Amino acid sequence: MEDRRNRRWKLEQVLEKQKLRQEKVYGQLFEECIVALGDGTRILSNEMSENVYDLLQNLYPFTSWSSIDWEKVRFKRVVDDVAEMEHFLNKQYGQVNAEDVFVIWSYGDFPVVQTRLHKIVDSLEDVLAVSSDTYVLFPSKFVVEFHHEGKITIGQIAE
C-alpha cells in the first residue's frame, strides 16, 4: 500500500513538472494575432517583455488609468486612420514600414511581440482585438497609441 502511494506521489510530481514546462497559452485572439502577423514575428520572453514595458513607461508619461498622458508629451499628433499614420511616419522617419517595432497591450498578461510595422498595418484588426489599448513602440523614435475609443495618437521622442 505504501509503495502504491509512493508511486502515485512520484507520478503527480512528474505531471506537475510537465505542466510547468508547457508553453503558456494567451488565448484565441492572441494566437490569431500571431498567425496574422506571420513569419518573422517574435514573442518576447517574460523578462524581455518586462524590459520593453519599462522602456515605454520611462520614455512616455502615463496616467493612472494606463494611457499615455498626451498633455505631457511635447511632440504628438492625432491621426484619423492607419493610412494617415503610415504616411506621417514615412514622411517623418523615412520608410519605417520594414522596421522592427514592439507591440504592447495595456491589459492582460500578454507578452510583447516584435514584428515589422507593415505587418501590424496589414493585420491591424487582429492586433487590436487582443486588448483594449495597444501601443506600437519604435524605441528610438516614436510610439503609436491605439486607444479603445478609436483615437490614434503618435508620440515622438524629443531629440
C-alpha atoms as a PDB file:
ATOM      1  CA  MET A   1       0.000   0.000   0.000  1.00  0.00           C
ATOM      2  CA  GLU A   2       2.817   2.382   0.915  1.00  0.00           C
ATOM      3  CA  ASP A   3       4.582   1.555  -2.354  1.00  0.00           C
ATOM      4  CA  ARG A   4       1.438   2.429  -4.315  1.00  0.00           C
ATOM      5  CA  ARG A   5       1.129   5.842  -2.588  1.00  0.00           C
ATOM      6  CA  ASN A   6       4.776   6.491  -3.265  1.00  0.00           C
ATOM      7  CA  ARG A   7       4.371   5.761  -6.990  1.00  0.00           C
ATOM      8  CA  ARG A   8       1.267   7.914  -7.160  1.00  0.00           C
ATOM      9  CA  TRP A   9       3.057  10.795  -5.462  1.00  0.00           C
ATOM     10  CA  LYS A  10       6.010  10.485  -7.884  1.00  0.00           C
ATOM     11  CA  LEU A  11       3.639  10.434 -10.861  1.00  0.00           C
ATOM     12  CA  GLU A  12       1.899  13.581  -9.592  1.00  0.00           C
ATOM     13  CA  GLN A  13       5.287  15.288  -9.238  1.00  0.00           C
ATOM     14  CA  VAL A  14       6.267  14.374 -12.809  1.00  0.00           C
ATOM     15  CA  LEU A  15       2.933  15.644 -14.138  1.00  0.00           C
ATOM     16  CA  GLU A  16       3.329  18.909 -12.225  1.00  0.00           C
ATOM     17  CA  LYS A  17       6.810  19.436 -13.705  1.00  0.00           C
ATOM     18  CA  GLN A  18       5.457  18.822 -17.191  1.00  0.00           C
ATOM     19  CA  LYS A  19       2.728  21.407 -16.650  1.00  0.00           C
ATOM     20  CA  LEU A  20       5.362  23.972 -15.694  1.00  0.00           C
ATOM     21  CA  ARG A  21       7.357  23.224 -18.857  1.00  0.00           C
ATOM     22  CA  GLN A  22       4.394  23.727 -21.164  1.00  0.00           C
ATOM     23  CA  GLU A  23       4.184  26.965 -23.070  1.00  0.00           C
ATOM     24  CA  LYS A  24       1.735  29.458 -21.631  1.00  0.00           C
ATOM     25  CA  VAL A  25      -1.448  29.933 -23.640  1.00  0.00           C
ATOM     26  CA  TYR A  26      -2.648  33.510 -24.039  1.00  0.00           C
ATOM     27  CA  GLY A  27      -5.989  32.866 -25.663  1.00  0.00           C
ATOM     28  CA  GLN A  28      -7.568  32.607 -29.063  1.00  0.00           C
ATOM     29  CA  LEU A  29      -7.324  36.302 -30.008  1.00  0.00           C
ATOM     30  CA  PHE A  30      -3.617  36.429 -29.196  1.00  0.00           C
ATOM     31  CA  GLU A  31      -2.958  33.245 -31.171  1.00  0.00           C
ATOM     32  CA  GLU A  32      -4.909  34.599 -34.163  1.00  0.00           C
ATOM     33  CA  CYS A  33      -2.908  37.818 -33.955  1.00  0.00           C
ATOM     34  CA  ILE A  34       0.402  35.939 -34.068  1.00  0.00           C
ATOM     35  CA  VAL A  35      -0.751  33.893 -37.061  1.00  0.00           C
ATOM     36  CA  ALA A  36      -1.934  37.053 -38.856  1.00  0.00           C
ATOM     37  CA  LEU A  37       1.400  38.811 -38.232  1.00  0.00           C
ATOM     38  CA  GLY A  38       3.155  35.862 -39.843  1.00  0.00           C
ATOM     39  CA  ASP A  39       6.757  34.814 -40.283  1.00  0.00           C
ATOM     40  CA  GLY A  40       9.460  36.789 -38.550  1.00  0.00           C
ATOM     41  CA  THR A  41       7.206  37.779 -35.662  1.00  0.00           C
ATOM     42  CA  ARG A  42       8.814  37.114 -32.279  1.00  0.00           C
ATOM     43  CA  ILE A  43       7.041  36.603 -28.972  1.00  0.00           C
ATOM     44  CA  LEU A  44       9.386  38.000 -26.346  1.00  0.00           C
ATOM     45  CA  SER A  45      10.170  36.214 -23.103  1.00  0.00           C
ATOM     46  CA  ASN A  46       8.613  37.466 -19.876  1.00  0.00           C
ATOM     47  CA  GLU A  47      11.877  39.136 -18.899  1.00  0.00           C
ATOM     48  CA  MET A  48      12.312  40.861 -22.258  1.00  0.00           C
ATOM     49  CA  SER A  49       8.650  41.884 -22.259  1.00  0.00           C
ATOM     50  CA  GLU A  50       9.086  43.486 -18.833  1.00  0.00           C
ATOM     51  CA  ASN A  51      12.104  45.398 -20.151  1.00  0.00           C
ATOM     52  CA  VAL A  52      10.081  46.752 -23.089  1.00  0.00           C
ATOM     53  CA  TYR A  53       7.175  47.699 -20.786  1.00  0.00           C
ATOM     54  CA  ASP A  54       9.650  49.523 -18.530  1.00  0.00           C
ATOM     55  CA  LEU A  55      11.211  51.265 -21.523  1.00  0.00           C
ATOM     56  CA  LEU A  56       7.813  52.502 -22.728  1.00  0.00           C
ATOM     57  CA  GLN A  57       6.982  53.830 -19.268  1.00  0.00           C
ATOM     58  CA  ASN A  58      10.379  55.523 -18.987  1.00  0.00           C
ATOM     59  CA  LEU A  59      10.068  57.180 -22.393  1.00  0.00           C
ATOM     60  CA  TYR A  60       6.473  58.392 -22.039  1.00  0.00           C
ATOM     61  CA  PRO A  61       4.396  59.595 -19.075  1.00  0.00           C
ATOM     62  CA  PHE A  62       1.304  57.562 -18.190  1.00  0.00           C
ATOM     63  CA  THR A  63      -1.959  58.401 -16.489  1.00  0.00           C
ATOM     64  CA  SER A  64      -3.298  56.403 -13.567  1.00  0.00           C
ATOM     65  CA  TRP A  65      -5.688  54.654 -15.987  1.00  0.00           C
ATOM     66  CA  SER A  66      -2.804  53.225 -18.088  1.00  0.00           C
ATOM     67  CA  SER A  67      -2.981  55.581 -21.031  1.00  0.00           C
ATOM     68  CA  ILE A  68      -0.177  57.822 -22.240  1.00  0.00           C
ATOM     69  CA  ASP A  69      -0.581  61.274 -20.724  1.00  0.00           C
ATOM     70  CA  TRP A  70      -0.551  63.159 -24.005  1.00  0.00           C
ATOM     71  CA  GLU A  71      -0.736  66.523 -22.244  1.00  0.00           C
ATOM     72  CA  LYS A  72       2.833  65.897 -21.082  1.00  0.00           C
ATOM     73  CA  VAL A  73       4.185  64.746 -24.452  1.00  0.00           C
ATOM     74  CA  ARG A  74       5.733  67.633 -26.346  1.00  0.00           C
ATOM     75  CA  PHE A  75       5.726  66.110 -29.827  1.00  0.00           C
ATOM     76  CA  LYS A  76       2.442  64.382 -30.668  1.00  0.00           C
ATOM     77  CA  ARG A  77      -0.016  64.069 -33.484  1.00  0.00           C
ATOM     78  CA  VAL A  78      -3.516  62.625 -33.666  1.00  0.00           C
ATOM     79  CA  VAL A  79      -4.297  60.917 -36.970  1.00  0.00           C
ATOM     80  CA  ASP A  80      -7.633  59.889 -38.407  1.00  0.00           C
ATOM     81  CA  ASP A  81      -6.700  56.416 -39.599  1.00  0.00           C
ATOM     82  CA  VAL A  82      -3.871  53.961 -40.154  1.00  0.00           C
ATOM     83  CA  ALA A  83      -3.210  55.236 -43.705  1.00  0.00           C
ATOM     84  CA  GLU A  84      -2.562  58.727 -42.316  1.00  0.00           C
ATOM     85  CA  MET A  85      -0.373  57.195 -39.602  1.00  0.00           C
ATOM     86  CA  GLU A  86       1.733  55.365 -42.198  1.00  0.00           C
ATOM     87  CA  HIS A  87       2.045  58.488 -44.343  1.00  0.00           C
ATOM     88  CA  PHE A  88       3.110  60.610 -41.377  1.00  0.00           C
ATOM     89  CA  LEU A  89       5.645  58.082 -40.070  1.00  0.00           C
ATOM     90  CA  ASN A  90       7.185  57.500 -43.507  1.00  0.00           C
ATOM     91  CA  LYS A  91       7.399  61.247 -44.131  1.00  0.00           C
ATOM     92  CA  GLN A  92       8.875  61.905 -40.694  1.00  0.00           C
ATOM     93  CA  TYR A  93      11.324  58.972 -40.467  1.00  0.00           C
ATOM     94  CA  GLY A  94      11.751  57.601 -43.980  1.00  0.00           C
ATOM     95  CA  GLN A  95      10.455  54.178 -44.930  1.00  0.00           C
ATOM     96  CA  VAL A  96       9.726  52.713 -41.487  1.00  0.00           C
ATOM     97  CA  ASN A  97       7.297  50.054 -42.737  1.00  0.00           C
ATOM     98  CA  ALA A  98      10.093  47.468 -42.891  1.00  0.00           C
ATOM     99  CA  GLU A  99      11.434  48.365 -39.424  1.00  0.00           C
ATOM    100  CA  ASP A 100      11.030  46.148 -36.379  1.00  0.00           C
ATOM    101  CA  VAL A 101       8.744  47.569 -33.720  1.00  0.00           C
ATOM    102  CA  PHE A 102       7.217  46.269 -30.497  1.00  0.00           C
ATOM    103  CA  VAL A 103       3.519  45.616 -29.951  1.00  0.00           C
ATOM    104  CA  ILE A 104       2.456  46.183 -26.356  1.00  0.00           C
ATOM    105  CA  TRP A 105      -1.024  45.601 -24.959  1.00  0.00           C
ATOM    106  CA  SER A 106      -2.205  47.606 -21.962  1.00  0.00           C
ATOM    107  CA  TYR A 107      -4.339  44.947 -20.280  1.00  0.00           C
ATOM    108  CA  GLY A 108      -3.755  41.271 -19.627  1.00  0.00           C
ATOM    109  CA  ASP A 109      -0.507  39.417 -19.192  1.00  0.00           C
ATOM    110  CA  PHE A 110       0.324  39.230 -22.882  1.00  0.00           C
ATOM    111  CA  PRO A 111       3.981  39.150 -23.827  1.00  0.00           C
ATOM    112  CA  VAL A 112       5.411  41.865 -26.047  1.00  0.00           C
ATOM    113  CA  VAL A 113       5.624  40.981 -29.719  1.00  0.00           C
ATOM    114  CA  GLN A 114       8.330  42.179 -32.094  1.00  0.00           C
ATOM    115  CA  THR A 115       7.440  42.439 -35.770  1.00  0.00           C
ATOM    116  CA  ARG A 116       7.604  44.743 -38.783  1.00  0.00           C
ATOM    117  CA  LEU A 117       5.394  47.826 -38.859  1.00  0.00           C
ATOM    118  CA  HIS A 118       3.841  46.885 -42.216  1.00  0.00           C
ATOM    119  CA  LYS A 119       2.691  43.559 -40.746  1.00  0.00           C
ATOM    120  CA  ILE A 120       0.862  45.422 -37.983  1.00  0.00           C
ATOM    121  CA  VAL A 121      -0.825  47.666 -40.540  1.00  0.00           C
ATOM    122  CA  ASP A 122      -1.830  44.660 -42.662  1.00  0.00           C
ATOM    123  CA  SER A 123      -3.177  42.776 -39.605  1.00  0.00           C
ATOM    124  CA  LEU A 124      -4.409  45.722 -37.542  1.00  0.00           C
ATOM    125  CA  GLU A 125      -7.825  44.260 -36.758  1.00  0.00           C
ATOM    126  CA  ASP A 126      -6.235  41.125 -35.282  1.00  0.00           C
ATOM    127  CA  VAL A 127      -3.650  43.163 -33.356  1.00  0.00           C
ATOM    128  CA  LEU A 128      -6.240  45.487 -31.809  1.00  0.00           C
ATOM    129  CA  ALA A 129      -8.589  42.607 -30.924  1.00  0.00           C
ATOM    130  CA  VAL A 130      -6.142  41.259 -28.325  1.00  0.00           C
ATOM    131  CA  SER A 131      -6.677  44.032 -25.750  1.00  0.00           C
ATOM    132  CA  SER A 132      -8.440  47.359 -25.391  1.00  0.00           C
ATOM    133  CA  ASP A 133      -5.458  49.703 -25.779  1.00  0.00           C
ATOM    134  CA  THR A 134      -2.476  48.830 -27.932  1.00  0.00           C
ATOM    135  CA  TYR A 135       0.906  50.511 -28.321  1.00  0.00           C
ATOM    136  CA  VAL A 136       3.408  50.218 -31.145  1.00  0.00           C
ATOM    137  CA  LEU A 137       6.851  51.279 -29.963  1.00  0.00           C
ATOM    138  CA  PHE A 138       9.893  52.123 -32.044  1.00  0.00           C
ATOM    139  CA  PRO A 139      12.133  52.858 -29.044  1.00  0.00           C
ATOM    140  CA  SER A 140      14.451  55.440 -30.565  1.00  0.00           C
ATOM    141  CA  LYS A 141      11.765  57.313 -32.492  1.00  0.00           C
ATOM    142  CA  PHE A 142       8.053  57.055 -31.703  1.00  0.00           C
ATOM    143  CA  VAL A 143       5.097  55.359 -30.090  1.00  0.00           C
ATOM    144  CA  VAL A 144       1.622  54.927 -31.527  1.00  0.00           C
ATOM    145  CA  GLU A 145      -1.276  54.531 -29.124  1.00  0.00           C
ATOM    146  CA  PHE A 146      -4.401  52.851 -30.453  1.00  0.00           C
ATOM    147  CA  HIS A 147      -6.956  53.871 -27.855  1.00  0.00           C
ATOM    148  CA  HIS A 148     -10.008  51.671 -27.274  1.00  0.00           C
ATOM    149  CA  GLU A 149     -12.282  54.523 -28.365  1.00  0.00           C
ATOM    150  CA  GLY A 150     -10.658  54.593 -31.805  1.00  0.00           C
ATOM    151  CA  LYS A 151      -8.273  57.508 -31.361  1.00  0.00           C
ATOM    152  CA  ILE A 152      -4.790  57.024 -32.875  1.00  0.00           C
ATOM    153  CA  THR A 153      -2.038  59.206 -31.421  1.00  0.00           C
ATOM    154  CA  ILE A 154       1.620  59.272 -32.393  1.00  0.00           C
ATOM    155  CA  GLY A 155       4.174  60.492 -29.879  1.00  0.00           C
ATOM    156  CA  GLN A 156       7.690  61.356 -30.843  1.00  0.00           C
ATOM    157  CA  ILE A 157      10.727  61.265 -28.656  1.00  0.00           C
ATOM    158  CA  ALA A 158      12.183  64.743 -28.231  1.00  0.00           C
ATOM    159  CA  GLU A 159      15.651  64.975 -29.699  1.00  0.00           C
END
